Amino acid sequence: MTTKGRIERVARREFARHGFEGASIRQITAEARVTKPVLYYYFKNKRDLFLGLLEEAVAPLCDEVEGIAHREALPIQQMEHIVTAFKRFSRERPDEFRLLHRAVERREREVQIIAQKYFRRIFRAISRVINEGIERKNFRSLNVPQTTFSVIAILVYYLTRAHVINEVLGRKKGSEDLVETLGQHVLGLLRA
């Protein structure tokens, strides 16, 4: 792995765990086994590192969701594939998923520009699937923007808050059953 790749891997995990404010450049350099000048050779500052990681993290998910929304398939199948894409992304790239989730919560201008850019892409793709489902009478008549926000909120909550779900259910792994049936749940809310 390259030096830059090592820095990014460690920083991704640090930002995902502690958010932008809580992440420590000292911790990143120590874990990546580099000095601060080496880190700053690749990245101007902490914000530059964070923004680069954020953009790198969210682009593949956006590309996949948009691709699904433009495929020739029934809206029900498209929505199932979108839910699967979110689940796979959160499982295979947990640090990136947490990084994305934490970024959306930040109020900083540069972060919001990137988060909104990608969030808009996901929002439009899911809205397209819902609209088509309504037109084909696969989905009931719904307020599309509100429903799109609801679908995204459900996905993000279930995939980032397993600890809360487990606590509420009083089980160590109660969220796993709910995540497994997440596609069915989302489709149940949409179906005509």
C-alpha atoms as a PDB file:
ATOM      1  CA  MET A   1       0.000   0.000   0.000  1.00  0.00           C
ATOM      2  CA  THR A   2       1.252   3.472  -0.832  1.00  0.00           C
ATOM      3  CA  THR A   3       1.954   6.054   1.840  1.00  0.00           C
ATOM      4  CA  LYS A   4      -0.998   8.119   0.665  1.00  0.00           C
ATOM      5  CA  GLY A   5      -3.242   5.044   0.723  1.00  0.00           C
ATOM      6  CA  ARG A   6      -2.141   4.223   4.266  1.00  0.00           C
ATOM      7  CA  ILE A   7      -2.900   7.777   5.404  1.00  0.00           C
ATOM      8  CA  GLU A   8      -6.336   7.631   3.769  1.00  0.00           C
ATOM      9  CA  ARG A   9      -7.179   4.241   5.306  1.00  0.00           C
ATOM     10  CA  VAL A  10      -6.274   5.407   8.813  1.00  0.00           C
ATOM     11  CA  ALA A  11      -7.937   8.830   8.369  1.00  0.00           C
ATOM     12  CA  ARG A  12     -11.135   7.241   7.033  1.00  0.00           C
ATOM     13  CA  ARG A  13     -11.416   5.140  10.168  1.00  0.00           C
ATOM     14  CA  GLU A  14     -10.521   8.086  12.451  1.00  0.00           C
ATOM     15  CA  PHE A  15     -13.094  10.422  10.851  1.00  0.00           C
ATOM     16  CA  ALA A  16     -15.746   7.691  10.861  1.00  0.00           C
ATOM     17  CA  ARG A  17     -15.210   7.046  14.572  1.00  0.00           C
ATOM     18  CA  HIS A  18     -14.802  10.596  15.826  1.00  0.00           C
ATOM     19  CA  GLY A  19     -16.178  12.933  13.166  1.00  0.00           C
ATOM     20  CA  PHE A  20     -14.251  15.869  11.763  1.00  0.00           C
ATOM     21  CA  GLU A  21     -13.907  17.786  15.020  1.00  0.00           C
ATOM     22  CA  GLY A  22     -12.913  14.784  17.108  1.00  0.00           C
ATOM     23  CA  ALA A  23     -10.474  13.278  14.625  1.00  0.00           C
ATOM     24  CA  SER A  24      -6.842  13.802  15.523  1.00  0.00           C
ATOM     25  CA  ILE A  25      -4.122  14.486  12.956  1.00  0.00           C
ATOM     26  CA  ARG A  26      -1.630  13.290  15.582  1.00  0.00           C
ATOM     27  CA  GLN A  27      -3.505   9.969  15.842  1.00  0.00           C
ATOM     28  CA  ILE A  28      -3.723   9.641  12.046  1.00  0.00           C
ATOM     29  CA  THR A  29       0.009  10.241  11.561  1.00  0.00           C
ATOM     30  CA  ALA A  30       0.912   7.853  14.396  1.00  0.00           C
ATOM     31  CA  GLU A  31      -1.281   5.013  13.087  1.00  0.00           C
ATOM     32  CA  ALA A  32      -0.218   5.613   9.479  1.00  0.00           C
ATOM     33  CA  ARG A  33       3.429   5.713  10.611  1.00  0.00           C
ATOM     34  CA  VAL A  34       4.142   9.041   8.904  1.00  0.00           C
ATOM     35  CA  THR A  35       5.141  12.497  10.044  1.00  0.00           C
ATOM     36  CA  LYS A  36       2.925  15.562   9.775  1.00  0.00           C
ATOM     37  CA  PRO A  37       5.038  16.994   6.916  1.00  0.00           C
ATOM     38  CA  VAL A  38       4.457  13.760   4.978  1.00  0.00           C
ATOM     39  CA  LEU A  39       0.700  13.981   5.573  1.00  0.00           C
ATOM     40  CA  TYR A  40       0.711  17.627   4.504  1.00  0.00           C
ATOM     41  CA  TYR A  41       2.660  16.714   1.368  1.00  0.00           C
ATOM     42  CA  TYR A  42      -0.419  14.787   0.195  1.00  0.00           C
ATOM     43  CA  PHE A  43      -3.147  16.914   1.803  1.00  0.00           C
ATOM     44  CA  LYS A  44      -3.197  20.679   2.429  1.00  0.00           C
ATOM     45  CA  ASN A  45      -4.843  20.337   5.822  1.00  0.00           C
ATOM     46  CA  LYS A  46      -7.288  18.275   7.871  1.00  0.00           C
ATOM     47  CA  ARG A  47     -10.271  19.681   5.955  1.00  0.00           C
ATOM     48  CA  ASP A  48      -8.714  18.799   2.581  1.00  0.00           C
ATOM     49  CA  LEU A  49      -8.129  15.237   3.781  1.00  0.00           C
ATOM     50  CA  PHE A  50     -11.696  14.957   5.089  1.00  0.00           C
ATOM     51  CA  LEU A  51     -13.282  16.383   1.927  1.00  0.00           C
ATOM     52  CA  GLY A  52     -11.226  14.109  -0.305  1.00  0.00           C
ATOM     53  CA  LEU A  53     -12.231  11.058   1.689  1.00  0.00           C
ATOM     54  CA  LEU A  54     -15.858  12.142   1.711  1.00  0.00           C
ATOM     55  CA  GLU A  55     -15.991  12.561  -2.049  1.00  0.00           C
ATOM     56  CA  GLU A  56     -14.205   9.259  -2.595  1.00  0.00           C
ATOM     57  CA  ALA A  57     -16.577   7.507  -0.181  1.00  0.00           C
ATOM     58  CA  VAL A  58     -19.889   8.608  -1.588  1.00  0.00           C
ATOM     59  CA  ALA A  59     -19.257   8.629  -5.351  1.00  0.00           C
ATOM     60  CA  PRO A  60     -19.460   4.825  -5.823  1.00  0.00           C
ATOM     61  CA  LEU A  61     -22.772   4.568  -3.970  1.00  0.00           C
ATOM     62  CA  CYS A  62     -24.223   7.430  -6.028  1.00  0.00           C
ATOM     63  CA  ASP A  63     -23.032   5.865  -9.264  1.00  0.00           C
ATOM     64  CA  GLU A  64     -24.587   2.529  -8.344  1.00  0.00           C
ATOM     65  CA  VAL A  65     -27.939   4.000  -7.242  1.00  0.00           C
ATOM     66  CA  GLU A  66     -28.166   6.104 -10.413  1.00  0.00           C
ATOM     67  CA  GLY A  67     -27.307   3.078 -12.529  1.00  0.00           C
ATOM     68  CA  ILE A  68     -30.068   1.055 -10.872  1.00  0.00           C
ATOM     69  CA  ALA A  69     -32.608   3.851 -11.398  1.00  0.00           C
ATOM     70  CA  HIS A  70     -31.827   3.941 -15.131  1.00  0.00           C
ATOM     71  CA  ARG A  71     -31.892   0.166 -15.714  1.00  0.00           C
ATOM     72  CA  GLU A  72     -34.711  -1.484 -17.572  1.00  0.00           C
ATOM     73  CA  ALA A  73     -36.559  -3.144 -14.698  1.00  0.00           C
ATOM     74  CA  LEU A  74     -39.770  -2.839 -12.767  1.00  0.00           C
ATOM     75  CA  PRO A  75     -39.707  -0.099 -10.113  1.00  0.00           C
ATOM     76  CA  ILE A  76     -40.201  -2.746  -7.415  1.00  0.00           C
ATOM     77  CA  GLN A  77     -37.037  -4.520  -8.585  1.00  0.00           C
ATOM     78  CA  GLN A  78     -35.159  -1.234  -8.847  1.00  0.00           C
ATOM     79  CA  MET A  79     -36.097  -0.311  -5.284  1.00  0.00           C
ATOM     80  CA  GLU A  80     -35.028  -3.761  -4.038  1.00  0.00           C
ATOM     81  CA  HIS A  81     -31.667  -3.283  -5.774  1.00  0.00           C
ATOM     82  CA  ILE A  82     -31.252   0.209  -4.284  1.00  0.00           C
ATOM     83  CA  VAL A  83     -31.870  -1.121  -0.772  1.00  0.00           C
ATOM     84  CA  THR A  84     -29.406  -3.947  -1.458  1.00  0.00           C
ATOM     85  CA  ALA A  85     -26.822  -1.427  -2.697  1.00  0.00           C
ATOM     86  CA  PHE A  86     -27.130   0.595   0.533  1.00  0.00           C
ATOM     87  CA  LYS A  87     -26.889  -2.548   2.665  1.00  0.00           C
ATOM     88  CA  ARG A  88     -23.863  -3.829   0.755  1.00  0.00           C
ATOM     89  CA  PHE A  89     -22.137  -0.448   0.895  1.00  0.00           C
ATOM     90  CA  SER A  90     -22.666  -0.162   4.659  1.00  0.00           C
ATOM     91  CA  ARG A  91     -21.453  -3.736   5.196  1.00  0.00           C
ATOM     92  CA  GLU A  92     -18.455  -3.692   2.842  1.00  0.00           C
ATOM     93  CA  ARG A  93     -17.389  -0.101   3.467  1.00  0.00           C
ATOM     94  CA  PRO A  94     -18.539   0.693   7.026  1.00  0.00           C
ATOM     95  CA  ASP A  95     -16.017   3.480   7.601  1.00  0.00           C
ATOM     96  CA  GLU A  96     -17.054   5.240   4.390  1.00  0.00           C
ATOM     97  CA  PHE A  97     -20.740   4.834   5.242  1.00  0.00           C
ATOM     98  CA  ARG A  98     -20.229   6.320   8.718  1.00  0.00           C
ATOM     99  CA  LEU A  99     -18.071   9.070   7.217  1.00  0.00           C
ATOM    100  CA  LEU A 100     -20.882   9.966   4.817  1.00  0.00           C
ATOM    101  CA  HIS A 101     -23.463   9.910   7.585  1.00  0.00           C
ATOM    102  CA  ARG A 102     -21.350  12.131   9.838  1.00  0.00           C
ATOM    103  CA  ALA A 103     -20.660  14.541   6.962  1.00  0.00           C
ATOM    104  CA  VAL A 104     -24.352  15.133   6.307  1.00  0.00           C
ATOM    105  CA  GLU A 105     -24.695  16.275   9.922  1.00  0.00           C
ATOM    106  CA  ARG A 106     -21.947  18.902   9.565  1.00  0.00           C
ATOM    107  CA  ARG A 107     -22.949  22.486   8.932  1.00  0.00           C
ATOM    108  CA  GLU A 108     -19.675  23.521   7.328  1.00  0.00           C
ATOM    109  CA  ARG A 109     -20.057  25.032   3.850  1.00  0.00           C
ATOM    110  CA  GLU A 110     -17.543  22.885   1.913  1.00  0.00           C
ATOM    111  CA  VAL A 111     -18.805  19.685   3.486  1.00  0.00           C
ATOM    112  CA  GLN A 112     -22.404  20.624   2.770  1.00  0.00           C
ATOM    113  CA  ILE A 113     -21.589  21.350  -0.883  1.00  0.00           C
ATOM    114  CA  ILE A 114     -20.133  17.866  -1.366  1.00  0.00           C
ATOM    115  CA  ALA A 115     -22.790  16.129   0.715  1.00  0.00           C
ATOM    116  CA  GLN A 116     -25.591  17.957  -1.104  1.00  0.00           C
ATOM    117  CA  LYS A 117     -24.077  17.264  -4.516  1.00  0.00           C
ATOM    118  CA  TYR A 118     -24.099  13.535  -3.906  1.00  0.00           C
ATOM    119  CA  PHE A 119     -27.232  13.484  -1.791  1.00  0.00           C
ATOM    120  CA  ARG A 120     -29.082  15.204  -4.661  1.00  0.00           C
ATOM    121  CA  ARG A 121     -27.950  12.481  -7.041  1.00  0.00           C
ATOM    122  CA  ILE A 122     -29.268   9.758  -4.734  1.00  0.00           C
ATOM    123  CA  PHE A 123     -32.443  11.739  -4.072  1.00  0.00           C
ATOM    124  CA  ARG A 124     -33.153  12.188  -7.802  1.00  0.00           C
ATOM    125  CA  ALA A 125     -32.484   8.538  -8.576  1.00  0.00           C
ATOM    126  CA  ILE A 126     -34.791   7.247  -5.842  1.00  0.00           C
ATOM    127  CA  SER A 127     -37.439   9.845  -6.775  1.00  0.00           C
ATOM    128  CA  ARG A 128     -37.279   8.630 -10.363  1.00  0.00           C
ATOM    129  CA  VAL A 129     -37.951   5.044  -9.263  1.00  0.00           C
ATOM    130  CA  ILE A 130     -40.838   6.110  -7.020  1.00  0.00           C
ATOM    131  CA  ASN A 131     -42.375   8.278  -9.764  1.00  0.00           C
ATOM    132  CA  GLU A 132     -42.168   5.446 -12.259  1.00  0.00           C
ATOM    133  CA  GLY A 133     -43.674   3.057  -9.719  1.00  0.00           C
ATOM    134  CA  ILE A 134     -46.606   5.420  -9.195  1.00  0.00           C
ATOM    135  CA  GLU A 135     -47.105   5.862 -12.953  1.00  0.00           C
ATOM    136  CA  ARG A 136     -47.092   2.083 -13.501  1.00  0.00           C
ATOM    137  CA  LYS A 137     -49.437   1.617 -10.530  1.00  0.00           C
ATOM    138  CA  ASN A 138     -46.838  -0.555  -8.734  1.00  0.00           C
ATOM    139  CA  PHE A 139     -46.710   2.007  -5.932  1.00  0.00           C
ATOM    140  CA  ARG A 140     -49.607   3.851  -4.394  1.00  0.00           C
ATOM    141  CA  SER A 141     -50.064   7.573  -4.926  1.00  0.00           C
ATOM    142  CA  LEU A 142     -47.504   9.281  -2.703  1.00  0.00           C
ATOM    143  CA  ASN A 143     -45.869  12.627  -2.140  1.00  0.00           C
ATOM    144  CA  VAL A 144     -42.648  11.786  -4.012  1.00  0.00           C
ATOM    145  CA  PRO A 145     -40.198  14.181  -2.283  1.00  0.00           C
ATOM    146  CA  GLN A 146     -41.495  13.265   1.170  1.00  0.00           C
ATOM    147  CA  THR A 147     -41.426   9.551   0.350  1.00  0.00           C
ATOM    148  CA  THR A 148     -37.902   9.789  -1.077  1.00  0.00           C
ATOM    149  CA  PHE A 149     -36.652  11.488   2.088  1.00  0.00           C
ATOM    150  CA  SER A 150     -38.429   8.827   4.145  1.00  0.00           C
ATOM    151  CA  VAL A 151     -36.827   5.956   2.218  1.00  0.00           C
ATOM    152  CA  ILE A 152     -33.361   7.493   2.576  1.00  0.00           C
ATOM    153  CA  ALA A 153     -33.955   8.175   6.277  1.00  0.00           C
ATOM    154  CA  ILE A 154     -35.073   4.591   6.877  1.00  0.00           C
ATOM    155  CA  LEU A 155     -32.021   3.196   5.098  1.00  0.00           C
ATOM    156  CA  VAL A 156     -29.552   5.451   6.860  1.00  0.00           C
ATOM    157  CA  TYR A 157     -31.107   4.966  10.292  1.00  0.00           C
ATOM    158  CA  TYR A 158     -31.264   1.180  10.128  1.00  0.00           C
ATOM    159  CA  LEU A 159     -27.741   0.946   8.713  1.00  0.00           C
ATOM    160  CA  THR A 160     -26.072   3.362  11.139  1.00  0.00           C
ATOM    161  CA  ARG A 161     -27.992   2.844  14.369  1.00  0.00           C
ATOM    162  CA  ALA A 162     -27.751  -0.894  15.058  1.00  0.00           C
ATOM    163  CA  HIS A 163     -26.637  -0.137  18.626  1.00  0.00           C
ATOM    164  CA  VAL A 164     -29.781   1.934  19.278  1.00  0.00           C
ATOM    165  CA  ILE A 165     -32.076  -0.670  17.716  1.00  0.00           C
ATOM    166  CA  ASN A 166     -30.446  -3.450  19.737  1.00  0.00           C
ATOM    167  CA  GLU A 167     -30.802  -1.422  22.935  1.00  0.00           C
ATOM    168  CA  VAL A 168     -34.480  -0.691  22.286  1.00  0.00           C
ATOM    169  CA  LEU A 169     -35.187  -4.328  21.439  1.00  0.00           C
ATOM    170  CA  GLY A 170     -33.123  -5.528  24.412  1.00  0.00           C
ATOM    171  CA  ARG A 171     -31.100  -7.912  22.250  1.00  0.00           C
ATOM    172  CA  LYS A 172     -27.483  -8.015  21.234  1.00  0.00           C
ATOM    173  CA  LYS A 173     -28.249  -8.498  17.549  1.00  0.00           C
ATOM    174  CA  GLY A 174     -31.884  -7.480  17.124  1.00  0.00           C
ATOM    175  CA  SER A 175     -31.052  -5.086  14.304  1.00  0.00           C
ATOM    176  CA  GLU A 176     -29.732  -7.846  12.032  1.00  0.00           C
ATOM    177  CA  ASP A 177     -33.216  -9.305  11.503  1.00  0.00           C
ATOM    178  CA  LEU A 178     -34.601  -5.863  10.726  1.00  0.00           C
ATOM    179  CA  VAL A 179     -31.793  -5.014   8.296  1.00  0.00           C
ATOM    180  CA  GLU A 180     -32.244  -8.372   6.565  1.00  0.00           C
ATOM    181  CA  THR A 181     -35.898  -7.558   5.804  1.00  0.00           C
ATOM    182  CA  LEU A 182     -35.308  -3.862   5.084  1.00  0.00           C
ATOM    183  CA  GLY A 183     -36.148  -4.190   1.379  1.00  0.00           C
ATOM    184  CA  GLN A 184     -39.480  -5.825   2.165  1.00  0.00           C
ATOM    185  CA  HIS A 185     -40.234  -3.096   4.691  1.00  0.00           C
ATOM    186  CA  VAL A 186     -39.492  -0.259   2.246  1.00  0.00           C
ATOM    187  CA  LEU A 187     -41.533  -1.933  -0.503  1.00  0.00           C
ATOM    188  CA  GLY A 188     -44.404  -2.497   1.940  1.00  0.00           C
ATOM    189  CA  LEU A 189     -44.568   1.247   2.479  1.00  0.00           C
ATOM    190  CA  LEU A 190     -44.657   1.932  -1.275  1.00  0.00           C
ATOM    191  CA  ARG A 191     -46.784  -0.800  -2.825  1.00  0.00           C
ATOM    192  CA  ALA A 192     -50.218  -0.065  -4.167  1.00  0.00           C
END
